[in-house]
Amino acid sequence: MDAMGGDHAPEITVHGAVWAARDFGFQVQLIGKPDIIRLELQKHNITGLSLPIIPASEVIEMDDHNPASSVKAKKDCSMVVGAQMLKQGETSAFVTMGNSGGALAAALLHLGRIRGIRRPAFSTVYPCVSEHGFCFVLDIGANADCKPEYLYQFALMGSAYTERVLGIMNPRVAIVSNGEEEGKGSMLVQDTLPLLKSGPFNFVGNVEGKDIPAGLADVVVTDGFTGNVVIKLSEGLAKMLLDTIKSEIKARPLAMAGAVLAKPAFTAVGKMLDYREFGGGALLGVNGVVIVGHGRSDAYAVRNAIRIARQAVESDVIGVIKSGLGA
């Protein structure tokens, strides 16, 4: 666990790590500045828990606009130490709520890509109306410009992750386009379609933006620019709608009374839209399990990001991807 990464580190990251160690019963290694981490650990009852501190004297800051250069310059930063530990087999997975560009750079520099993978992809679980209540979207920001073979590999990795880690058997794979019909979409989408049709996964065609929350696919593939816009727009829209509903209810006494009766429904909807339930998204394509969460994450999100990391390790998602590539 990158104890120094995130808007509210190390208080929140250490709290989440303690929570995970207590709930799941495994060791969580805390990477960062030892004196600061010890002070945070003193706030919790850690009797019987395994929470070793791994020293790292430097940090990639959240507002660092050139994280790739910082990763090369700060050789003793928590992200670099975590990536090196993973490469050397000293840990099973690396989790960070820190600078996503830094996480990508550290993983590429010290872990490298899985043999045969052209580009890694950031991924996320996205709430939708389906049997499972979510779908899996990638790429959401690692690659603004893509080639057809990148999207094909995203589909391969996304299908493997969704089945092995998220538990959706034979997941439906789709590509984001501006129309459901074949022939619609950018040249990138049209050039990618033949590859997706020939892939060893359940490809179901194009999906429009409205089809993603409707649950018409379990794995949604797109370039990093489009994916990032989809995710950020969705997050902003969900917050706006929830805030507006709360404001309108509070402005009407009768509605307030009805809200008391509807509270369980509001709670269920809130949980469905809550990114914290999955904690973070996998950086797929690098040669190790790396989970990257929101910088604004709270302790519950950190706890669940560690849970997802464990599931990815136990299901051998890296091995599955390698097998799919013949690597």
C-alpha atoms as a PDB file:
ATOM      1  CA  MET A   1       0.000   0.000   0.000  1.00  0.00           C
ATOM      2  CA  ASP A   2       1.336   3.411  -1.028  1.00  0.00           C
ATOM      3  CA  ALA A   3       0.738   5.095   2.326  1.00  0.00           C
ATOM      4  CA  MET A   4       1.780   8.497   0.970  1.00  0.00           C
ATOM      5  CA  GLY A   5      -0.468   8.596  -2.129  1.00  0.00           C
ATOM      6  CA  GLY A   6      -3.769  10.488  -2.303  1.00  0.00           C
ATOM      7  CA  ASP A   7      -5.375  13.756  -1.286  1.00  0.00           C
ATOM      8  CA  HIS A   8      -5.787  12.630   2.324  1.00  0.00           C
ATOM      9  CA  ALA A   9      -2.672  10.506   2.837  1.00  0.00           C
ATOM     10  CA  PRO A  10      -1.321   9.139   5.071  1.00  0.00           C
ATOM     11  CA  GLU A  11      -4.247   9.396   7.508  1.00  0.00           C
ATOM     12  CA  ILE A  12      -6.797   7.812   5.167  1.00  0.00           C
ATOM     13  CA  THR A  13      -4.466   5.307   3.492  1.00  0.00           C
ATOM     14  CA  VAL A  14      -3.204   3.952   6.820  1.00  0.00           C
ATOM     15  CA  HIS A  15      -6.756   3.760   8.195  1.00  0.00           C
ATOM     16  CA  GLY A  16      -7.897   1.843   5.110  1.00  0.00           C
ATOM     17  CA  ALA A  17      -4.929  -0.503   5.321  1.00  0.00           C
ATOM     18  CA  VAL A  18      -5.656  -1.263   8.986  1.00  0.00           C
ATOM     19  CA  TRP A  19      -9.297  -1.878   8.085  1.00  0.00           C
ATOM     20  CA  ALA A  20      -8.311  -4.299   5.306  1.00  0.00           C
ATOM     21  CA  ALA A  21      -5.786  -6.159   7.451  1.00  0.00           C
ATOM     22  CA  ARG A  22      -8.400  -6.606  10.174  1.00  0.00           C
ATOM     23  CA  ASP A  23     -11.242  -7.665   7.837  1.00  0.00           C
ATOM     24  CA  PHE A  24      -9.284  -9.929   5.494  1.00  0.00           C
ATOM     25  CA  GLY A  25      -6.571 -11.290   7.776  1.00  0.00           C
ATOM     26  CA  PHE A  26      -3.556 -10.786   5.550  1.00  0.00           C
ATOM     27  CA  GLN A  27      -0.444  -8.625   5.701  1.00  0.00           C
ATOM     28  CA  VAL A  28      -0.606  -5.098   4.291  1.00  0.00           C
ATOM     29  CA  GLN A  29       2.787  -3.476   3.784  1.00  0.00           C
ATOM     30  CA  LEU A  30       2.789   0.308   4.250  1.00  0.00           C
ATOM     31  CA  ILE A  31       5.254   2.145   2.018  1.00  0.00           C
ATOM     32  CA  GLY A  32       6.315   5.679   2.912  1.00  0.00           C
ATOM     33  CA  LYS A  33       7.919   7.849   5.562  1.00  0.00           C
ATOM     34  CA  PRO A  34       8.251   5.625   8.668  1.00  0.00           C
ATOM     35  CA  ASP A  35       7.865   8.301  11.371  1.00  0.00           C
ATOM     36  CA  ILE A  36       4.674   9.665   9.800  1.00  0.00           C
ATOM     37  CA  ILE A  37       3.195   6.202   9.262  1.00  0.00           C
ATOM     38  CA  ARG A  38       3.946   5.179  12.866  1.00  0.00           C
ATOM     39  CA  LEU A  39       2.069   8.221  14.144  1.00  0.00           C
ATOM     40  CA  GLU A  40      -0.969   7.227  12.106  1.00  0.00           C
ATOM     41  CA  LEU A  41      -0.802   3.609  13.236  1.00  0.00           C
ATOM     42  CA  GLN A  42      -0.874   4.765  16.851  1.00  0.00           C
ATOM     43  CA  LYS A  43      -4.423   6.013  16.253  1.00  0.00           C
ATOM     44  CA  HIS A  44      -5.644   2.442  15.695  1.00  0.00           C
ATOM     45  CA  ASN A  45      -5.784  -0.833  17.558  1.00  0.00           C
ATOM     46  CA  ILE A  46      -3.427  -2.963  15.484  1.00  0.00           C
ATOM     47  CA  THR A  47      -2.983  -5.814  17.958  1.00  0.00           C
ATOM     48  CA  GLY A  48      -2.581  -9.050  16.043  1.00  0.00           C
ATOM     49  CA  LEU A  49      -2.373  -7.307  12.659  1.00  0.00           C
ATOM     50  CA  SER A  50       0.566  -7.512  10.266  1.00  0.00           C
ATOM     51  CA  LEU A  51       1.325  -3.986   9.011  1.00  0.00           C
ATOM     52  CA  PRO A  52       5.071  -3.706   8.349  1.00  0.00           C
ATOM     53  CA  ILE A  53       6.432  -0.308   7.323  1.00  0.00           C
ATOM     54  CA  ILE A  54       8.581  -0.174   4.181  1.00  0.00           C
ATOM     55  CA  PRO A  55      10.713   3.012   4.145  1.00  0.00           C
ATOM     56  CA  ALA A  56      10.448   5.442   1.227  1.00  0.00           C
ATOM     57  CA  SER A  57      11.760   8.966   1.702  1.00  0.00           C
ATOM     58  CA  GLU A  58      10.115  10.688  -1.296  1.00  0.00           C
ATOM     59  CA  VAL A  59       6.603  11.211  -2.677  1.00  0.00           C
ATOM     60  CA  ILE A  60       5.115  11.857  -6.124  1.00  0.00           C
ATOM     61  CA  GLU A  61       2.735  14.723  -5.348  1.00  0.00           C
ATOM     62  CA  MET A  62      -0.873  14.736  -6.560  1.00  0.00           C
ATOM     63  CA  ASP A  63      -0.370  18.032  -8.447  1.00  0.00           C
ATOM     64  CA  ASP A  64       2.830  16.912 -10.169  1.00  0.00           C
ATOM     65  CA  HIS A  65       2.316  17.760 -13.841  1.00  0.00           C
ATOM     66  CA  ASN A  66       5.288  15.724 -15.065  1.00  0.00           C
ATOM     67  CA  PRO A  67       5.063  12.518 -13.018  1.00  0.00           C
ATOM     68  CA  ALA A  68       7.101  10.476 -15.490  1.00  0.00           C
ATOM     69  CA  SER A  69      10.128  12.715 -14.915  1.00  0.00           C
ATOM     70  CA  SER A  70       9.503  12.699 -11.167  1.00  0.00           C
ATOM     71  CA  VAL A  71       9.457   8.885 -11.096  1.00  0.00           C
ATOM     72  CA  LYS A  72      12.887   8.844 -12.728  1.00  0.00           C
ATOM     73  CA  ALA A  73      14.241  11.572 -10.438  1.00  0.00           C
ATOM     74  CA  LYS A  74      12.713  10.378  -7.154  1.00  0.00           C
ATOM     75  CA  LYS A  75      14.200   6.906  -6.991  1.00  0.00           C
ATOM     76  CA  ASP A  76      13.145   6.449  -3.356  1.00  0.00           C
ATOM     77  CA  CYS A  77       9.517   7.555  -3.721  1.00  0.00           C
ATOM     78  CA  SER A  78       6.733   5.312  -2.437  1.00  0.00           C
ATOM     79  CA  MET A  79       5.507   4.457  -5.941  1.00  0.00           C
ATOM     80  CA  VAL A  80       8.921   3.374  -7.187  1.00  0.00           C
ATOM     81  CA  VAL A  81       9.580   1.334  -4.027  1.00  0.00           C
ATOM     82  CA  GLY A  82       6.188  -0.377  -4.399  1.00  0.00           C
ATOM     83  CA  ALA A  83       6.763  -1.212  -8.067  1.00  0.00           C
ATOM     84  CA  GLN A  84      10.238  -2.559  -7.323  1.00  0.00           C
ATOM     85  CA  MET A  85       8.919  -4.724  -4.487  1.00  0.00           C
ATOM     86  CA  LEU A  86       6.313  -6.181  -6.826  1.00  0.00           C
ATOM     87  CA  LYS A  87       8.905  -6.901  -9.502  1.00  0.00           C
ATOM     88  CA  GLN A  88      11.210  -8.612  -7.010  1.00  0.00           C
ATOM     89  CA  GLY A  89       8.421 -10.750  -5.560  1.00  0.00           C
ATOM     90  CA  GLU A  90       8.499  -9.024  -2.163  1.00  0.00           C
ATOM     91  CA  THR A  91       4.782  -8.265  -2.378  1.00  0.00           C
ATOM     92  CA  SER A  92       1.825  -9.696  -4.300  1.00  0.00           C
ATOM     93  CA  ALA A  93       0.200  -6.449  -5.466  1.00  0.00           C
ATOM     94  CA  PHE A  94       0.666  -2.687  -5.330  1.00  0.00           C
ATOM     95  CA  VAL A  95      -2.176  -0.324  -4.411  1.00  0.00           C
ATOM     96  CA  THR A  96      -2.050   3.475  -4.636  1.00  0.00           C
ATOM     97  CA  MET A  97      -4.479   6.360  -4.353  1.00  0.00           C
ATOM     98  CA  GLY A  98      -1.776   8.688  -5.645  1.00  0.00           C
ATOM     99  CA  ASN A  99      -0.979  10.455  -8.895  1.00  0.00           C
ATOM    100  CA  SER A 100      -2.263   8.171 -11.676  1.00  0.00           C
ATOM    101  CA  GLY A 101       0.388   9.350 -14.128  1.00  0.00           C
ATOM    102  CA  GLY A 102       3.037   8.534 -11.551  1.00  0.00           C
ATOM    103  CA  ALA A 103       1.560   5.087 -10.981  1.00  0.00           C
ATOM    104  CA  LEU A 104       1.582   4.428 -14.729  1.00  0.00           C
ATOM    105  CA  ALA A 105       5.169   5.657 -15.128  1.00  0.00           C
ATOM    106  CA  ALA A 106       6.454   3.678 -12.133  1.00  0.00           C
ATOM    107  CA  ALA A 107       4.738   0.498 -13.322  1.00  0.00           C
ATOM    108  CA  LEU A 108       6.038   0.815 -16.879  1.00  0.00           C
ATOM    109  CA  LEU A 109       9.569   1.690 -15.789  1.00  0.00           C
ATOM    110  CA  HIS A 110       9.986  -0.979 -13.115  1.00  0.00           C
ATOM    111  CA  LEU A 111       7.501  -3.734 -14.016  1.00  0.00           C
ATOM    112  CA  GLY A 112       7.270  -3.332 -17.766  1.00  0.00           C
ATOM    113  CA  ARG A 113       4.395  -4.500 -19.933  1.00  0.00           C
ATOM    114  CA  ILE A 114       3.202  -8.065 -20.154  1.00  0.00           C
ATOM    115  CA  ARG A 115       4.983  -9.609 -23.105  1.00  0.00           C
ATOM    116  CA  GLY A 116       2.948  -8.894 -26.227  1.00  0.00           C
ATOM    117  CA  ILE A 117       0.888  -6.047 -24.750  1.00  0.00           C
ATOM    118  CA  ARG A 118       1.282  -2.866 -26.773  1.00  0.00           C
ATOM    119  CA  ARG A 119      -0.213  -0.421 -24.246  1.00  0.00           C
ATOM    120  CA  PRO A 120      -1.494  -0.722 -20.662  1.00  0.00           C
ATOM    121  CA  ALA A 121      -4.968   0.585 -19.823  1.00  0.00           C
ATOM    122  CA  PHE A 122      -6.594   2.194 -16.809  1.00  0.00           C
ATOM    123  CA  SER A 123      -9.901   0.562 -15.970  1.00  0.00           C
ATOM    124  CA  THR A 124     -12.881   1.112 -13.701  1.00  0.00           C
ATOM    125  CA  VAL A 125     -16.096  -0.507 -12.552  1.00  0.00           C
ATOM    126  CA  TYR A 126     -19.085   1.498 -13.817  1.00  0.00           C
ATOM    127  CA  PRO A 127     -22.593   1.287 -12.294  1.00  0.00           C
ATOM    128  CA  CYS A 128     -25.329   0.146 -14.641  1.00  0.00           C
ATOM    129  CA  VAL A 129     -28.753  -1.476 -14.779  1.00  0.00           C
ATOM    130  CA  SER A 130     -27.890  -5.136 -15.174  1.00  0.00           C
ATOM    131  CA  GLU A 131     -27.983  -8.403 -13.313  1.00  0.00           C
ATOM    132  CA  HIS A 132     -24.655  -7.551 -11.692  1.00  0.00           C
ATOM    133  CA  GLY A 133     -25.209  -3.820 -11.232  1.00  0.00           C
ATOM    134  CA  PHE A 134     -21.979  -2.812 -12.947  1.00  0.00           C
ATOM    135  CA  CYS A 135     -19.865  -3.108 -16.066  1.00  0.00           C
ATOM    136  CA  PHE A 136     -16.121  -2.733 -16.644  1.00  0.00           C
ATOM    137  CA  VAL A 137     -14.749   0.168 -18.720  1.00  0.00           C
ATOM    138  CA  LEU A 138     -11.272   0.595 -20.210  1.00  0.00           C
ATOM    139  CA  ASP A 139      -9.253   2.598 -21.177  1.00  0.00           C
ATOM    140  CA  ILE A 140     -10.148   5.608 -19.035  1.00  0.00           C
ATOM    141  CA  GLY A 141      -7.052   7.723 -19.441  1.00  0.00           C
ATOM    142  CA  ALA A 142      -3.758   5.947 -20.070  1.00  0.00           C
ATOM    143  CA  ASN A 143      -3.869   6.276 -23.890  1.00  0.00           C
ATOM    144  CA  ALA A 144      -5.545   9.317 -25.438  1.00  0.00           C
ATOM    145  CA  ASP A 145      -4.657   8.091 -28.936  1.00  0.00           C
ATOM    146  CA  CYS A 146      -5.087   4.429 -29.800  1.00  0.00           C
ATOM    147  CA  LYS A 147      -4.627   1.969 -32.635  1.00  0.00           C
ATOM    148  CA  PRO A 148      -6.991  -0.933 -33.400  1.00  0.00           C
ATOM    149  CA  GLU A 149      -4.609  -3.493 -31.916  1.00  0.00           C
ATOM    150  CA  TYR A 150      -4.591  -1.578 -28.615  1.00  0.00           C
ATOM    151  CA  LEU A 151      -8.379  -1.740 -28.359  1.00  0.00           C
ATOM    152  CA  TYR A 152      -8.332  -5.435 -29.230  1.00  0.00           C
ATOM    153  CA  GLN A 153      -5.921  -6.071 -26.362  1.00  0.00           C
ATOM    154  CA  PHE A 154      -8.036  -3.935 -24.026  1.00  0.00           C
ATOM    155  CA  ALA A 155     -10.970  -6.203 -24.874  1.00  0.00           C
ATOM    156  CA  LEU A 156      -8.887  -9.305 -24.189  1.00  0.00           C
ATOM    157  CA  MET A 157      -7.620  -8.010 -20.849  1.00  0.00           C
ATOM    158  CA  GLY A 158     -10.983  -6.571 -19.819  1.00  0.00           C
ATOM    159  CA  SER A 159     -12.788  -9.826 -20.550  1.00  0.00           C
ATOM    160  CA  ALA A 160     -10.257 -11.830 -18.517  1.00  0.00           C
ATOM    161  CA  TYR A 161     -10.415  -9.422 -15.567  1.00  0.00           C
ATOM    162  CA  THR A 162     -14.212  -9.201 -15.571  1.00  0.00           C
ATOM    163  CA  GLU A 163     -14.576 -12.976 -15.561  1.00  0.00           C
ATOM    164  CA  ARG A 164     -11.816 -13.876 -13.098  1.00  0.00           C
ATOM    165  CA  VAL A 165     -11.967 -10.957 -10.652  1.00  0.00           C
ATOM    166  CA  LEU A 166     -15.495  -9.563 -10.964  1.00  0.00           C
ATOM    167  CA  GLY A 167     -17.190 -12.922 -11.417  1.00  0.00           C
ATOM    168  CA  ILE A 168     -19.160 -12.358 -14.640  1.00  0.00           C
ATOM    169  CA  MET A 169     -18.942 -15.493 -16.749  1.00  0.00           C
ATOM    170  CA  ASN A 170     -18.567 -15.099 -20.526  1.00  0.00           C
ATOM    171  CA  PRO A 171     -18.831 -11.284 -20.286  1.00  0.00           C
ATOM    172  CA  ARG A 172     -20.327  -9.346 -23.197  1.00  0.00           C
ATOM    173  CA  VAL A 173     -17.697  -7.112 -24.807  1.00  0.00           C
ATOM    174  CA  ALA A 174     -18.619  -3.954 -26.751  1.00  0.00           C
ATOM    175  CA  ILE A 175     -16.893  -0.911 -28.207  1.00  0.00           C
ATOM    176  CA  VAL A 176     -18.056   2.686 -27.704  1.00  0.00           C
ATOM    177  CA  SER A 177     -19.385   4.330 -30.862  1.00  0.00           C
ATOM    178  CA  ASN A 178     -21.823   7.036 -31.951  1.00  0.00           C
ATOM    179  CA  GLY A 179     -24.276   4.469 -33.233  1.00  0.00           C
ATOM    180  CA  GLU A 180     -25.309   0.897 -32.527  1.00  0.00           C
ATOM    181  CA  GLU A 181     -25.211  -0.152 -36.169  1.00  0.00           C
ATOM    182  CA  GLU A 182     -22.106  -1.638 -37.719  1.00  0.00           C
ATOM    183  CA  GLY A 183     -20.470   0.947 -39.935  1.00  0.00           C
ATOM    184  CA  LYS A 184     -21.033   3.780 -37.471  1.00  0.00           C
ATOM    185  CA  GLY A 185     -18.181   5.330 -35.528  1.00  0.00           C
ATOM    186  CA  SER A 186     -14.767   6.827 -36.131  1.00  0.00           C
ATOM    187  CA  MET A 187     -12.187   5.232 -38.386  1.00  0.00           C
ATOM    188  CA  LEU A 188     -10.591   3.792 -35.248  1.00  0.00           C
ATOM    189  CA  VAL A 189     -13.849   2.063 -34.287  1.00  0.00           C
ATOM    190  CA  GLN A 190     -14.463   0.761 -37.803  1.00  0.00           C
ATOM    191  CA  ASP A 191     -10.899  -0.491 -38.182  1.00  0.00           C
ATOM    192  CA  THR A 192     -11.084  -2.227 -34.802  1.00  0.00           C
ATOM    193  CA  LEU A 193     -14.344  -4.108 -35.458  1.00  0.00           C
ATOM    194  CA  PRO A 194     -12.820  -6.949 -37.549  1.00  0.00           C
ATOM    195  CA  LEU A 195     -10.279  -7.630 -34.804  1.00  0.00           C
ATOM    196  CA  LEU A 196     -12.931  -7.680 -32.079  1.00  0.00           C
ATOM    197  CA  LYS A 197     -15.147 -10.010 -34.115  1.00  0.00           C
ATOM    198  CA  SER A 198     -12.281 -12.497 -34.389  1.00  0.00           C
ATOM    199  CA  GLY A 199     -11.313 -12.350 -30.701  1.00  0.00           C
ATOM    200  CA  PRO A 200     -11.623 -15.205 -28.169  1.00  0.00           C
ATOM    201  CA  PHE A 201     -14.290 -13.329 -26.207  1.00  0.00           C
ATOM    202  CA  ASN A 202     -18.024 -12.621 -26.413  1.00  0.00           C
ATOM    203  CA  PHE A 203     -18.101  -9.541 -28.661  1.00  0.00           C
ATOM    204  CA  VAL A 204     -21.595  -8.047 -29.018  1.00  0.00           C
ATOM    205  CA  GLY A 205     -20.927  -4.980 -31.195  1.00  0.00           C
ATOM    206  CA  ASN A 206     -21.197  -1.237 -30.734  1.00  0.00           C
ATOM    207  CA  VAL A 207     -22.671   0.601 -27.745  1.00  0.00           C
ATOM    208  CA  GLU A 208     -23.622   4.264 -27.562  1.00  0.00           C
ATOM    209  CA  GLY A 209     -23.053   6.351 -24.460  1.00  0.00           C
ATOM    210  CA  LYS A 210     -26.603   5.769 -23.262  1.00  0.00           C
ATOM    211  CA  ASP A 211     -26.147   2.006 -23.532  1.00  0.00           C
ATOM    212  CA  ILE A 212     -23.336   1.870 -20.951  1.00  0.00           C
ATOM    213  CA  PRO A 213     -25.506   2.646 -17.875  1.00  0.00           C
ATOM    214  CA  ALA A 214     -28.281   0.577 -19.460  1.00  0.00           C
ATOM    215  CA  GLY A 215     -26.080  -2.493 -18.999  1.00  0.00           C
ATOM    216  CA  LEU A 216     -25.960  -3.655 -22.622  1.00  0.00           C
ATOM    217  CA  ALA A 217     -22.364  -4.813 -22.196  1.00  0.00           C
ATOM    218  CA  ASP A 218     -20.222  -6.157 -19.363  1.00  0.00           C
ATOM    219  CA  VAL A 219     -16.909  -4.928 -20.802  1.00  0.00           C
ATOM    220  CA  VAL A 220     -16.857  -1.553 -22.559  1.00  0.00           C
ATOM    221  CA  VAL A 221     -13.775  -0.797 -24.652  1.00  0.00           C
ATOM    222  CA  THR A 222     -12.699   2.631 -25.849  1.00  0.00           C
ATOM    223  CA  ASP A 223      -9.680   4.909 -26.231  1.00  0.00           C
ATOM    224  CA  GLY A 224      -8.407   6.715 -23.153  1.00  0.00           C
ATOM    225  CA  PHE A 225      -9.651  10.149 -24.230  1.00  0.00           C
ATOM    226  CA  THR A 226     -13.240   9.005 -24.778  1.00  0.00           C
ATOM    227  CA  GLY A 227     -13.205   6.774 -21.710  1.00  0.00           C
ATOM    228  CA  ASN A 228     -11.979   9.564 -19.461  1.00  0.00           C
ATOM    229  CA  VAL A 229     -14.686  11.928 -20.738  1.00  0.00           C
ATOM    230  CA  VAL A 230     -17.371   9.255 -20.198  1.00  0.00           C
ATOM    231  CA  ILE A 231     -16.248   8.594 -16.616  1.00  0.00           C
ATOM    232  CA  LYS A 232     -15.769  12.233 -15.577  1.00  0.00           C
ATOM    233  CA  LEU A 233     -19.081  13.285 -17.150  1.00  0.00           C
ATOM    234  CA  SER A 234     -20.882  10.423 -15.418  1.00  0.00           C
ATOM    235  CA  GLU A 235     -19.359  11.267 -12.031  1.00  0.00           C
ATOM    236  CA  GLY A 236     -20.310  14.924 -12.389  1.00  0.00           C
ATOM    237  CA  LEU A 237     -23.834  14.133 -13.572  1.00  0.00           C
ATOM    238  CA  ALA A 238     -24.452  11.628 -10.754  1.00  0.00           C
ATOM    239  CA  LYS A 239     -23.317  14.159  -8.147  1.00  0.00           C
ATOM    240  CA  MET A 240     -25.434  16.911  -9.689  1.00  0.00           C
ATOM    241  CA  LEU A 241     -28.563  14.744  -9.728  1.00  0.00           C
ATOM    242  CA  LEU A 242     -28.129  13.516  -6.151  1.00  0.00           C
ATOM    243  CA  ASP A 243     -27.409  17.033  -4.864  1.00  0.00           C
ATOM    244  CA  THR A 244     -30.419  18.424  -6.739  1.00  0.00           C
ATOM    245  CA  ILE A 245     -32.748  15.733  -5.382  1.00  0.00           C
ATOM    246  CA  LYS A 246     -31.554  16.395  -1.816  1.00  0.00           C
ATOM    247  CA  SER A 247     -31.992  20.144  -2.265  1.00  0.00           C
ATOM    248  CA  GLU A 248     -35.503  19.835  -3.702  1.00  0.00           C
ATOM    249  CA  ILE A 249     -36.625  17.431  -0.980  1.00  0.00           C
ATOM    250  CA  LYS A 250     -35.367  19.727   1.783  1.00  0.00           C
ATOM    251  CA  ALA A 251     -37.286  22.630   0.215  1.00  0.00           C
ATOM    252  CA  ARG A 252     -40.636  20.801   0.547  1.00  0.00           C
ATOM    253  CA  PRO A 253     -41.960  19.679   3.973  1.00  0.00           C
ATOM    254  CA  LEU A 254     -44.226  17.026   2.453  1.00  0.00           C
ATOM    255  CA  ALA A 255     -41.374  15.650   0.405  1.00  0.00           C
ATOM    256  CA  MET A 256     -39.268  15.433   3.568  1.00  0.00           C
ATOM    257  CA  ALA A 257     -41.875  13.143   5.112  1.00  0.00           C
ATOM    258  CA  GLY A 258     -41.889  10.953   2.017  1.00  0.00           C
ATOM    259  CA  ALA A 259     -38.081  10.876   2.002  1.00  0.00           C
ATOM    260  CA  VAL A 260     -38.113   9.156   5.400  1.00  0.00           C
ATOM    261  CA  LEU A 261     -40.131   6.291   3.929  1.00  0.00           C
ATOM    262  CA  ALA A 262     -37.964   6.203   0.812  1.00  0.00           C
ATOM    263  CA  LYS A 263     -34.670   6.251   2.724  1.00  0.00           C
ATOM    264  CA  PRO A 264     -33.852   2.544   2.117  1.00  0.00           C
ATOM    265  CA  ALA A 265     -34.293   3.091  -1.630  1.00  0.00           C
ATOM    266  CA  PHE A 266     -32.080   6.189  -1.588  1.00  0.00           C
ATOM    267  CA  THR A 267     -29.456   4.249   0.391  1.00  0.00           C
ATOM    268  CA  ALA A 268     -29.488   1.411  -2.165  1.00  0.00           C
ATOM    269  CA  VAL A 269     -29.125   3.841  -5.077  1.00  0.00           C
ATOM    270  CA  GLY A 270     -26.333   5.685  -3.302  1.00  0.00           C
ATOM    271  CA  LYS A 271     -24.443   2.439  -2.766  1.00  0.00           C
ATOM    272  CA  MET A 272     -24.866   1.472  -6.408  1.00  0.00           C
ATOM    273  CA  LEU A 273     -23.383   4.800  -7.530  1.00  0.00           C
ATOM    274  CA  ASP A 274     -20.599   4.758  -4.928  1.00  0.00           C
ATOM    275  CA  TYR A 275     -17.154   4.278  -6.482  1.00  0.00           C
ATOM    276  CA  ARG A 276     -15.843   3.315  -3.031  1.00  0.00           C
ATOM    277  CA  GLU A 277     -17.466  -0.128  -3.231  1.00  0.00           C
ATOM    278  CA  PHE A 278     -14.688  -1.248  -5.600  1.00  0.00           C
ATOM    279  CA  GLY A 279     -12.062   1.201  -4.350  1.00  0.00           C
ATOM    280  CA  GLY A 280      -9.897   1.373  -7.436  1.00  0.00           C
ATOM    281  CA  GLY A 281      -9.321   0.194 -10.982  1.00  0.00           C
ATOM    282  CA  ALA A 282      -6.673  -2.157 -12.280  1.00  0.00           C
ATOM    283  CA  LEU A 283      -3.832  -0.900 -14.433  1.00  0.00           C
ATOM    284  CA  LEU A 284      -4.077  -3.747 -16.920  1.00  0.00           C
ATOM    285  CA  GLY A 285      -1.219  -4.703 -19.207  1.00  0.00           C
ATOM    286  CA  VAL A 286       1.699  -4.189 -16.830  1.00  0.00           C
ATOM    287  CA  ASN A 287       3.486  -7.250 -15.507  1.00  0.00           C
ATOM    288  CA  GLY A 288       2.006  -7.253 -12.012  1.00  0.00           C
ATOM    289  CA  VAL A 289      -1.194  -6.464 -10.129  1.00  0.00           C
ATOM    290  CA  VAL A 290      -1.435  -2.677  -9.761  1.00  0.00           C
ATOM    291  CA  ILE A 291      -4.618  -1.035  -8.453  1.00  0.00           C
ATOM    292  CA  VAL A 292      -5.068   2.738  -8.729  1.00  0.00           C
ATOM    293  CA  GLY A 293      -7.810   4.530  -6.791  1.00  0.00           C
ATOM    294  CA  HIS A 294      -9.253   8.042  -6.680  1.00  0.00           C
ATOM    295  CA  GLY A 295      -7.067  10.639  -5.026  1.00  0.00           C
ATOM    296  CA  ARG A 296     -10.078  11.732  -2.981  1.00  0.00           C
ATOM    297  CA  SER A 297     -10.631   8.197  -1.608  1.00  0.00           C
ATOM    298  CA  ASP A 298     -11.648   7.683   2.005  1.00  0.00           C
ATOM    299  CA  ALA A 299     -10.652   4.750   4.221  1.00  0.00           C
ATOM    300  CA  TYR A 300     -13.520   2.571   2.995  1.00  0.00           C
ATOM    301  CA  ALA A 301     -12.395   3.002  -0.618  1.00  0.00           C
ATOM    302  CA  VAL A 302      -8.816   2.149   0.353  1.00  0.00           C
ATOM    303  CA  ARG A 303     -10.017  -0.971   2.175  1.00  0.00           C
ATOM    304  CA  ASN A 304     -11.927  -2.110  -0.907  1.00  0.00           C
ATOM    305  CA  ALA A 305      -9.062  -1.327  -3.298  1.00  0.00           C
ATOM    306  CA  ILE A 306      -6.906  -3.688  -1.244  1.00  0.00           C
ATOM    307  CA  ARG A 307      -9.705  -6.280  -1.407  1.00  0.00           C
ATOM    308  CA  ILE A 308      -9.803  -5.995  -5.206  1.00  0.00           C
ATOM    309  CA  ALA A 309      -6.017  -6.380  -5.345  1.00  0.00           C
ATOM    310  CA  ARG A 310      -6.261  -9.594  -3.353  1.00  0.00           C
ATOM    311  CA  GLN A 311      -8.950 -10.944  -5.708  1.00  0.00           C
ATOM    312  CA  ALA A 312      -6.801 -10.131  -8.743  1.00  0.00           C
ATOM    313  CA  VAL A 313      -3.860 -12.006  -7.226  1.00  0.00           C
ATOM    314  CA  GLU A 314      -5.905 -15.018  -6.142  1.00  0.00           C
ATOM    315  CA  SER A 315      -7.552 -15.333  -9.569  1.00  0.00           C
ATOM    316  CA  ASP A 316      -4.163 -15.050 -11.342  1.00  0.00           C
ATOM    317  CA  VAL A 317      -5.445 -12.391 -13.720  1.00  0.00           C
ATOM    318  CA  ILE A 318      -1.895 -11.702 -14.969  1.00  0.00           C
ATOM    319  CA  GLY A 319      -1.473 -15.376 -15.859  1.00  0.00           C
ATOM    320  CA  VAL A 320      -4.844 -15.431 -17.618  1.00  0.00           C
ATOM    321  CA  ILE A 321      -3.917 -12.419 -19.744  1.00  0.00           C
ATOM    322  CA  LYS A 322      -0.561 -13.990 -20.614  1.00  0.00           C
ATOM    323  CA  SER A 323      -2.299 -17.207 -21.627  1.00  0.00           C
ATOM    324  CA  GLY A 324      -4.697 -15.277 -23.834  1.00  0.00           C
ATOM    325  CA  LEU A 325      -1.767 -13.648 -25.596  1.00  0.00           C
ATOM    326  CA  GLY A 326       0.237 -16.839 -25.819  1.00  0.00           C
ATOM    327  CA  ALA A 327       2.951 -15.070 -23.795  1.00  0.00           C
END
